[in-house]
Amino acid sequence: MSEDSIDGGTISTSPEEASSLRMVATLGVAGALAGLLIVGVFTVTLPTIEAHKVEVLRLAISEVLNGPARYETLYATPQGIFESPPPAGAEKIYIGLDANSVKTGVAIKAAAAGFQDVITLIYGFDPATGRLLGIKVLESRETPGLGDKIEKDQAFLAQFEQSVPPLVAVKRASGAPGEIDAISGATISSRAIVRIINRSLARLRAPIEAQYLETSP
């Protein structure tokens, strides 16, 4: 038996108890080392992950604004547009500019619940005409083979180009302004896309149009 001294006395521990204590200590050390390794790997890879996110967003902005020469980042709230973020509730918007610094549209990022989880997208809007320029789904966990068509079905996505909001998802489009033909078998996900854009514009359209049109040449 092994013995441990406590306050001048002794307590006895069996070999089985000593073995259990060693196992717990070993597992504790292994867990701590694994945690440190995970933190270390995350710290090392974080700049790469963030750089990738920035590049994905840059490409998405370019896509929904039809390839502007550059863009400026501003912050929008229902109360107005700001060059630096106000205390709370601001959303980033991206003003597209051509080679002559003429505005080509506004890219707006928005998100809301879909069928399975939150859908995040970015869409282009032209305040001068009141039309959408295009959309791109940035993140979605909709059902593979059905709901995920909202990011893969080019015919569905093409409908948003030059459409006039507010939008409405229908099972068979008649050609009326704002109608979007929902994807068969993914009606809920299709309606979620329409809802996200409508809610976003209902909140931010007025201040965006005021700032955009006021400062346009």
Protein backbone atom coordinates (compact mmCIF):
# COMPACT_ATOMS: atom_id res chain seq x y z
CA MET A 1 0.00 0.00 0.00
CA SER A 2 1.00 3.60 -0.52
CA GLU A 3 0.63 6.18 2.20
CA ASP A 4 -0.04 9.95 2.20
CA SER A 5 0.62 12.10 5.27
CA ILE A 6 -2.21 14.37 6.42
CA ASP A 7 -1.82 16.48 9.61
CA GLY A 8 0.77 14.12 11.06
CA GLY A 9 -1.35 11.05 10.39
CA THR A 10 -1.58 8.72 7.47
CA ILE A 11 -4.27 7.53 5.11
CA SER A 12 -3.94 4.44 3.05
CA THR A 13 -4.81 4.20 -0.62
CA SER A 14 -5.19 0.93 -2.49
CA PRO A 15 -3.30 0.25 -5.72
CA GLU A 16 -6.60 0.54 -7.58
CA GLU A 17 -7.25 4.02 -6.13
CA ALA A 18 -3.70 5.14 -6.90
CA SER A 19 -4.07 3.89 -10.46
CA SER A 20 -7.35 5.79 -10.86
CA LEU A 21 -5.75 8.98 -9.57
CA ARG A 22 -2.88 8.61 -12.03
CA MET A 23 -5.34 8.02 -14.86
CA VAL A 24 -7.34 11.15 -13.94
CA ALA A 25 -4.13 13.19 -13.74
CA THR A 26 -2.96 11.84 -17.10
CA LEU A 27 -6.29 12.60 -18.73
CA GLY A 28 -6.25 16.09 -17.22
CA VAL A 29 -2.78 16.80 -18.60
CA ALA A 30 -3.73 15.36 -22.01
CA GLY A 31 -6.90 17.47 -22.10
CA ALA A 32 -4.97 20.62 -21.21
CA LEU A 33 -2.37 19.93 -23.90
CA ALA A 34 -5.10 19.24 -26.47
CA GLY A 35 -6.80 22.50 -25.53
CA LEU A 36 -3.56 24.43 -25.91
CA LEU A 37 -2.97 22.78 -29.29
CA ILE A 38 -6.45 23.72 -30.54
CA VAL A 39 -6.01 27.31 -29.37
CA GLY A 40 -2.58 27.46 -31.01
CA VAL A 41 -3.84 26.11 -34.35
CA PHE A 42 -6.81 28.52 -34.28
CA THR A 43 -4.53 31.46 -33.52
CA VAL A 44 -2.20 30.55 -36.39
CA THR A 45 -4.98 29.96 -38.93
CA LEU A 46 -7.25 32.85 -37.92
CA PRO A 47 -5.57 35.45 -40.19
CA THR A 48 -5.96 33.07 -43.15
CA ILE A 49 -9.61 32.43 -42.33
CA GLU A 50 -10.35 36.14 -41.99
CA ALA A 51 -8.50 36.93 -45.21
CA HIS A 52 -10.58 34.29 -47.01
CA LYS A 53 -13.82 35.81 -45.67
CA VAL A 54 -12.76 39.25 -46.89
CA GLU A 55 -11.97 37.88 -50.35
CA VAL A 56 -15.28 36.01 -50.57
CA LEU A 57 -17.15 39.18 -49.64
CA ARG A 58 -15.15 41.26 -52.14
CA LEU A 59 -16.00 38.86 -54.95
CA ALA A 60 -19.66 38.77 -53.93
CA ILE A 61 -19.89 42.57 -53.92
CA SER A 62 -18.33 42.67 -57.36
CA GLU A 63 -20.76 40.04 -58.62
CA VAL A 64 -23.99 41.68 -57.41
CA LEU A 65 -22.84 45.13 -58.59
CA ASN A 66 -21.70 43.87 -62.01
CA GLY A 67 -17.99 44.51 -61.53
CA PRO A 68 -17.52 48.07 -60.27
CA ALA A 69 -14.04 49.57 -60.45
CA ARG A 70 -14.08 49.93 -56.67
CA TYR A 71 -16.48 50.32 -53.78
CA GLU A 72 -16.79 52.32 -50.58
CA THR A 73 -17.98 50.92 -47.27
CA LEU A 74 -20.59 52.93 -45.34
CA TYR A 75 -22.94 52.19 -42.44
CA ALA A 76 -26.71 52.32 -42.71
CA THR A 77 -29.50 52.61 -40.15
CA PRO A 78 -33.14 53.65 -40.64
CA GLN A 79 -32.05 57.07 -39.40
CA GLY A 80 -29.35 57.65 -42.02
CA ILE A 81 -26.03 56.72 -43.63
CA PHE A 82 -22.74 57.13 -41.79
CA GLU A 83 -19.08 56.97 -42.76
CA SER A 84 -18.18 55.41 -39.40
CA PRO A 85 -20.38 53.04 -37.41
CA PRO A 86 -22.82 54.70 -35.01
CA PRO A 87 -23.19 53.23 -31.51
CA ALA A 88 -25.53 50.36 -32.41
CA GLY A 89 -27.79 48.88 -35.05
CA ALA A 90 -25.72 49.83 -38.10
CA GLU A 91 -25.32 47.58 -41.10
CA LYS A 92 -22.49 47.79 -43.62
CA ILE A 93 -23.40 48.75 -47.16
CA TYR A 94 -21.09 48.96 -50.15
CA ILE A 95 -21.39 51.75 -52.74
CA GLY A 96 -20.10 50.66 -56.15
CA LEU A 97 -18.18 53.19 -58.26
CA ASP A 98 -17.00 53.02 -61.86
CA ALA A 99 -13.65 54.27 -63.18
CA ASN A 100 -15.01 57.85 -63.18
CA SER A 101 -16.28 57.56 -59.58
CA VAL A 102 -19.88 57.43 -60.80
CA LYS A 103 -22.10 55.30 -58.55
CA THR A 104 -23.19 51.99 -60.01
CA GLY A 105 -25.36 50.65 -57.17
CA VAL A 106 -25.39 49.58 -53.56
CA ALA A 107 -24.58 46.12 -52.21
CA ILE A 108 -26.44 45.23 -49.03
CA LYS A 109 -25.82 42.22 -46.81
CA ALA A 110 -28.84 40.71 -45.03
CA ALA A 111 -29.82 37.55 -43.15
CA ALA A 112 -32.86 35.83 -41.65
CA ALA A 113 -34.19 32.37 -40.84
CA GLY A 114 -34.76 29.94 -43.69
CA PHE A 115 -36.19 26.42 -43.55
CA GLN A 116 -33.24 24.83 -41.71
CA ASP A 117 -31.16 27.70 -40.39
CA VAL A 118 -30.20 31.31 -40.99
CA ILE A 119 -29.62 32.29 -44.63
CA THR A 120 -27.10 35.06 -45.26
CA LEU A 121 -27.04 36.80 -48.63
CA ILE A 122 -25.89 39.96 -50.34
CA TYR A 123 -27.87 41.76 -53.02
CA GLY A 124 -27.27 44.67 -55.35
CA PHE A 125 -29.76 47.52 -55.52
CA ASP A 126 -29.87 50.54 -57.83
CA PRO A 127 -31.56 53.43 -55.99
CA ALA A 128 -31.71 55.42 -59.23
CA THR A 129 -34.04 52.91 -60.90
CA GLY A 130 -35.47 51.10 -57.88
CA ARG A 131 -34.38 47.75 -59.31
CA LEU A 132 -32.28 44.89 -57.98
CA LEU A 133 -29.01 44.19 -59.75
CA GLY A 134 -28.51 40.63 -58.53
CA ILE A 135 -28.13 38.46 -55.43
CA LYS A 136 -25.67 35.94 -54.05
CA VAL A 137 -26.21 33.56 -51.14
CA LEU A 138 -23.21 33.73 -48.81
CA GLU A 139 -24.20 31.13 -46.24
CA SER A 140 -26.99 28.56 -46.12
CA ARG A 141 -27.68 25.19 -44.50
CA GLU A 142 -30.85 24.45 -46.41
CA THR A 143 -31.71 20.86 -47.34
CA PRO A 144 -29.17 19.39 -49.80
CA GLY A 145 -30.73 18.73 -53.19
CA LEU A 146 -33.76 20.90 -52.46
CA GLY A 147 -33.37 24.04 -50.39
CA ASP A 148 -29.74 24.50 -51.33
CA LYS A 149 -30.90 25.25 -54.89
CA ILE A 150 -31.39 28.85 -53.72
CA GLU A 151 -27.62 29.23 -54.12
CA LYS A 152 -27.07 26.86 -57.07
CA ASP A 153 -30.08 27.28 -59.38
CA GLN A 154 -28.95 29.96 -61.84
CA ALA A 155 -32.41 30.31 -63.37
CA PHE A 156 -33.83 31.13 -59.93
CA LEU A 157 -31.06 33.61 -59.12
CA ALA A 158 -31.30 35.30 -62.54
CA GLN A 159 -34.90 36.32 -61.81
CA PHE A 160 -33.71 38.86 -59.26
CA GLU A 161 -31.72 40.83 -61.82
CA GLN A 162 -33.69 43.97 -62.73
CA SER A 163 -36.66 42.87 -60.60
CA VAL A 164 -38.63 45.60 -58.86
CA PRO A 165 -39.13 45.21 -55.10
CA PRO A 166 -41.13 44.58 -53.05
CA LEU A 167 -40.86 41.01 -54.26
CA VAL A 168 -43.34 38.16 -54.03
CA ALA A 169 -42.57 34.44 -54.40
CA VAL A 170 -45.13 32.61 -56.53
CA LYS A 171 -45.48 29.06 -57.82
CA ARG A 172 -45.87 30.25 -61.41
CA ALA A 173 -44.74 33.75 -62.33
CA SER A 174 -47.03 35.75 -64.62
CA GLY A 175 -44.41 38.34 -65.50
CA ALA A 176 -45.73 40.98 -63.11
CA PRO A 177 -43.10 43.27 -61.55
CA GLY A 178 -41.55 41.81 -58.44
CA GLU A 179 -42.72 38.24 -59.04
CA ILE A 180 -40.15 35.51 -58.31
CA ASP A 181 -40.88 31.97 -59.47
CA ALA A 182 -40.20 29.78 -56.41
CA ILE A 183 -38.11 26.64 -56.79
CA SER A 184 -40.27 23.51 -56.94
CA GLY A 185 -39.72 21.52 -53.76
CA ALA A 186 -38.01 24.46 -52.06
CA THR A 187 -40.84 26.94 -51.73
CA ILE A 188 -40.05 27.81 -48.11
CA SER A 189 -36.40 28.53 -48.89
CA SER A 190 -37.38 30.56 -51.95
CA ARG A 191 -39.81 32.63 -49.91
CA ALA A 192 -37.12 33.13 -47.28
CA ILE A 193 -34.86 34.78 -49.88
CA VAL A 194 -37.68 37.10 -50.93
CA ARG A 195 -38.52 37.91 -47.31
CA ILE A 196 -34.90 38.72 -46.45
CA ILE A 197 -34.62 41.23 -49.30
CA ASN A 198 -38.02 42.80 -48.66
CA ARG A 199 -37.35 43.30 -44.95
CA SER A 200 -33.89 44.67 -45.57
CA LEU A 201 -35.13 47.23 -48.08
CA ALA A 202 -38.11 48.16 -45.93
CA ARG A 203 -35.64 49.09 -43.20
CA LEU A 204 -32.87 50.74 -45.20
CA ARG A 205 -34.24 51.82 -48.58
CA ALA A 206 -35.29 55.34 -47.62
CA PRO A 207 -31.96 56.45 -46.08
CA ILE A 208 -29.98 54.73 -48.85
CA GLU A 209 -31.97 56.42 -51.60
CA ALA A 210 -31.73 59.80 -49.87
CA GLN A 211 -27.95 59.58 -49.52
CA TYR A 212 -27.34 57.95 -52.88
CA LEU A 213 -29.46 60.29 -54.99
CA GLU A 214 -28.46 63.42 -53.08
CA THR A 215 -24.75 62.87 -53.69
CA SER A 216 -24.99 61.50 -57.24
CA PRO A 217 -23.76 63.77 -60.04
